[in-house]
Amino acid sequence: AVTMRLDCDEDIASARPLLDFYSSRGRPLSLAIKTDQPDCPAHMRLMNDVRRAGGSILSHSATHAPNWGGSAESAEREARDSKAWLESHVDGLTVRYAVSPFHQNPPYVPGALAHAGYDGFVAGIIANDPEYMMARAGVPPFGPAEIILHTQGCMLHGDCLLAAGDPMQIYKEAFSLARDGGQFFGYLDHPFSERYA
């Protein structure tokens, strides 16, 4: 399987052209939303349109704090606040999964997310805690059995394309490795904004 996700730390509505592109090809788009952003009607419309088009909305925490805020209590609060905000702003949404800010997952994160009502979370390979870098999705160590984890290994950042030859060569190789190993291939990026171009 191949998954695609945008981590919306800011300017959610700038993902509209990508949603239109994916929708025109019958493909879903997933958004991980940091909820402590200014309310904006265009952001709300995009999130609801993603759902109507068969896409997914995940939590990216409330404030995008490093290490989920630095404690189990902070992590649970970040997760609960984000879940509550998303479910109250996106029609018919039940938030089941979170994407860890900065891919950081101290050992208290799985339990905090379970207490906050989540079924799982997505980690990554940059700045992640090694115990949560798993080759295959499943139950992570040091946490409750009801939480699952997927480690996302590819960040398709536009500023990381190769300058010479095929600009997508590294990403194509990453896809081939995942396919040959029978793994999920997940890639992510960020919407356009002042920081992400």
Protein backbone atom coordinates (compact mmCIF):
# COMPACT_ATOMS: atom_id res chain seq x y z
CA ALA A 1 0.00 0.00 0.00
CA VAL A 2 1.01 3.59 -0.54
CA THR A 3 -0.09 6.35 1.81
CA MET A 4 0.16 10.10 1.29
CA ARG A 5 -0.22 12.77 3.93
CA LEU A 6 0.31 16.47 4.45
CA ASP A 7 1.31 17.63 7.92
CA CYS A 8 -0.59 20.89 8.26
CA ASP A 9 1.41 22.88 10.77
CA GLU A 10 0.09 26.02 9.11
CA ASP A 11 -1.93 27.27 6.11
CA ILE A 12 -4.17 24.24 5.68
CA ALA A 13 -6.12 25.79 2.80
CA SER A 14 -3.02 25.98 0.59
CA ALA A 15 -3.45 22.23 0.02
CA ARG A 16 -6.54 22.89 -2.16
CA PRO A 17 -4.74 22.32 -5.53
CA LEU A 18 -3.37 19.00 -4.30
CA LEU A 19 -6.80 17.88 -3.09
CA ASP A 20 -8.23 18.80 -6.50
CA PHE A 21 -5.44 16.90 -8.26
CA TYR A 22 -5.90 13.76 -6.15
CA SER A 23 -9.70 13.93 -6.42
CA SER A 24 -9.53 14.19 -10.22
CA ARG A 25 -7.74 10.83 -10.19
CA GLY A 26 -10.02 9.19 -7.62
CA ARG A 27 -7.32 9.14 -4.92
CA PRO A 28 -7.80 10.16 -1.28
CA LEU A 29 -5.66 12.71 0.53
CA SER A 30 -4.83 12.64 4.24
CA LEU A 31 -4.19 15.67 6.40
CA ALA A 32 -2.60 15.72 9.85
CA ILE A 33 -3.82 18.92 11.46
CA LYS A 34 -2.16 20.99 14.17
CA THR A 35 -5.27 22.50 15.72
CA ASP A 36 -3.81 25.57 17.47
CA GLN A 37 -4.11 27.70 14.34
CA PRO A 38 -6.24 30.75 13.61
CA ASP A 39 -9.79 29.80 12.64
CA CYS A 40 -10.24 30.36 8.93
CA PRO A 41 -13.30 29.44 6.84
CA ALA A 42 -11.07 28.27 3.96
CA HIS A 43 -9.27 25.82 6.29
CA MET A 44 -12.60 24.44 7.53
CA ARG A 45 -13.91 24.02 3.97
CA LEU A 46 -10.78 22.16 2.88
CA MET A 47 -10.89 19.73 5.81
CA ASN A 48 -14.54 18.95 5.17
CA ASP A 49 -13.89 18.58 1.44
CA VAL A 50 -11.05 16.12 2.17
CA ARG A 51 -13.50 13.99 4.16
CA ARG A 52 -16.18 14.17 1.47
CA ALA A 53 -13.59 13.07 -1.11
CA GLY A 54 -12.79 9.94 0.95
CA GLY A 55 -9.66 11.28 2.63
CA SER A 56 -8.61 11.16 6.26
CA ILE A 57 -8.06 13.73 8.96
CA LEU A 58 -5.55 12.91 11.70
CA SER A 59 -4.38 14.85 14.71
CA HIS A 60 -0.98 16.51 14.59
CA SER A 61 -1.40 17.61 18.23
CA ALA A 62 -2.77 20.91 19.44
CA THR A 63 0.40 23.02 19.57
CA HIS A 64 3.05 20.87 17.80
CA ALA A 65 5.11 20.86 20.99
CA PRO A 66 8.41 18.95 20.97
CA ASN A 67 8.11 15.55 22.69
CA TRP A 68 4.34 16.03 22.92
CA GLY A 69 4.91 18.66 25.61
CA GLY A 70 7.51 16.81 27.65
CA SER A 71 5.37 14.62 29.92
CA ALA A 72 2.59 12.03 29.81
CA GLU A 73 0.15 14.62 31.19
CA SER A 74 1.08 17.17 28.52
CA ALA A 75 0.93 14.56 25.78
CA GLU A 76 -2.53 13.44 26.83
CA ARG A 77 -3.73 17.06 27.00
CA GLU A 78 -2.27 17.81 23.53
CA ALA A 79 -3.99 14.71 22.13
CA ARG A 80 -7.36 15.32 23.84
CA ASP A 81 -7.49 19.01 22.91
CA SER A 82 -6.65 18.28 19.28
CA LYS A 83 -9.15 15.42 19.03
CA ALA A 84 -11.93 17.51 20.58
CA TRP A 85 -11.27 20.47 18.28
CA LEU A 86 -11.16 18.37 15.12
CA GLU A 87 -14.30 16.41 15.98
CA SER A 88 -16.19 19.63 16.70
CA HIS A 89 -15.08 21.32 13.45
CA VAL A 90 -15.17 18.53 10.84
CA ASP A 91 -18.54 16.99 10.00
CA GLY A 92 -18.95 13.42 11.26
CA LEU A 93 -15.27 12.98 12.11
CA THR A 94 -13.98 10.57 14.73
CA VAL A 95 -10.25 11.05 15.21
CA ARG A 96 -8.54 7.70 15.69
CA TYR A 97 -4.92 8.42 14.78
CA ALA A 98 -2.25 11.02 15.46
CA VAL A 99 0.95 12.02 13.73
CA SER A 100 3.68 12.81 16.23
CA PRO A 101 5.08 16.35 16.10
CA PHE A 102 8.70 16.31 14.91
CA HIS A 103 8.33 12.47 14.88
CA GLN A 104 9.26 12.49 18.56
CA ASN A 105 7.81 9.73 20.73
CA PRO A 106 9.16 9.41 24.25
CA PRO A 107 8.02 6.17 25.95
CA TYR A 108 5.04 7.89 27.61
CA VAL A 109 3.39 8.72 24.26
CA PRO A 110 1.58 5.41 23.46
CA GLY A 111 -0.11 5.32 26.87
CA ALA A 112 -1.03 9.00 26.73
CA LEU A 113 -2.60 8.57 23.30
CA ALA A 114 -4.53 5.49 24.44
CA HIS A 115 -5.89 7.44 27.45
CA ALA A 116 -6.92 10.23 25.08
CA GLY A 117 -8.97 7.79 22.97
CA TYR A 118 -6.66 7.14 20.03
CA ASP A 119 -6.13 3.80 18.27
CA GLY A 120 -2.65 4.52 16.96
CA PHE A 121 -0.04 6.96 15.82
CA VAL A 122 2.38 7.59 13.00
CA ALA A 123 6.05 8.09 13.75
CA GLY A 124 8.88 8.93 11.40
CA ILE A 125 12.59 8.41 11.01
CA ILE A 126 13.83 11.96 11.66
CA ALA A 127 14.44 12.74 15.35
CA ASN A 128 12.42 9.71 16.39
CA ASP A 129 13.04 7.65 19.48
CA PRO A 130 14.65 4.38 18.32
CA GLU A 131 12.16 2.08 20.07
CA TYR A 132 9.46 3.46 17.76
CA MET A 133 11.30 2.95 14.49
CA MET A 134 9.58 -0.20 13.31
CA ALA A 135 10.06 -1.87 9.94
CA ARG A 136 6.41 -2.95 9.88
CA ALA A 137 3.32 -1.43 11.40
CA GLY A 138 2.05 -3.06 14.57
CA VAL A 139 1.93 -2.86 18.34
CA PRO A 140 4.84 -0.76 19.60
CA PRO A 141 6.97 -1.72 22.59
CA PHE A 142 6.46 -0.05 25.99
CA GLY A 143 2.81 0.74 25.46
CA PRO A 144 -0.71 -0.59 25.73
CA ALA A 145 -1.65 -3.41 23.37
CA GLU A 146 -4.56 -1.44 21.89
CA ILE A 147 -2.27 1.15 20.25
CA ILE A 148 -0.72 0.55 16.83
CA LEU A 149 2.21 2.34 15.22
CA HIS A 150 3.32 2.98 11.66
CA THR A 151 6.78 4.45 11.08
CA GLN A 152 6.72 6.69 8.04
CA GLY A 153 10.05 6.69 6.26
CA CYS A 154 9.87 9.18 3.42
CA MET A 155 9.46 12.96 3.54
CA LEU A 156 8.85 14.26 0.03
CA HIS A 157 10.00 17.81 0.69
CA GLY A 158 10.23 19.93 -2.43
CA ASP A 159 13.54 21.43 -1.32
CA CYS A 160 15.08 17.95 -1.12
CA LEU A 161 14.80 17.03 -4.79
CA LEU A 162 18.02 16.24 -6.63
CA ALA A 163 19.44 19.12 -8.68
CA ALA A 164 20.92 16.89 -11.42
CA GLY A 165 19.42 13.93 -13.25
CA ASP A 166 16.06 12.59 -12.15
CA PRO A 167 14.98 14.85 -9.27
CA MET A 168 12.80 12.01 -7.89
CA GLN A 169 15.47 9.28 -7.99
CA ILE A 170 15.82 8.88 -4.20
CA TYR A 171 12.04 8.73 -3.71
CA LYS A 172 11.67 6.14 -6.44
CA GLU A 173 14.38 4.04 -4.78
CA ALA A 174 12.60 4.36 -1.43
CA PHE A 175 9.38 3.17 -3.04
CA SER A 176 11.16 0.19 -4.65
CA LEU A 177 12.70 -0.83 -1.33
CA ALA A 178 9.32 -0.69 0.42
CA ARG A 179 7.63 -2.64 -2.38
CA ASP A 180 10.34 -5.30 -2.47
CA GLY A 181 10.22 -5.67 1.33
CA GLY A 182 6.42 -5.87 1.45
CA GLN A 183 6.11 -2.69 3.51
CA PHE A 184 3.73 0.23 3.42
CA PHE A 185 5.26 3.11 1.51
CA GLY A 186 4.19 6.32 3.11
CA TYR A 187 5.34 9.75 2.13
CA LEU A 188 4.50 13.16 3.47
CA ASP A 189 5.03 16.83 2.87
CA HIS A 190 3.67 20.14 4.14
CA PRO A 191 1.27 22.63 2.54
CA PHE A 192 2.71 25.86 1.17
CA SER A 193 3.25 28.63 3.70
CA GLU A 194 5.84 31.22 4.68
CA ARG A 195 8.09 28.42 5.99
CA TYR A 196 7.30 25.67 3.49
CA ALA A 197 7.79 26.55 -0.17
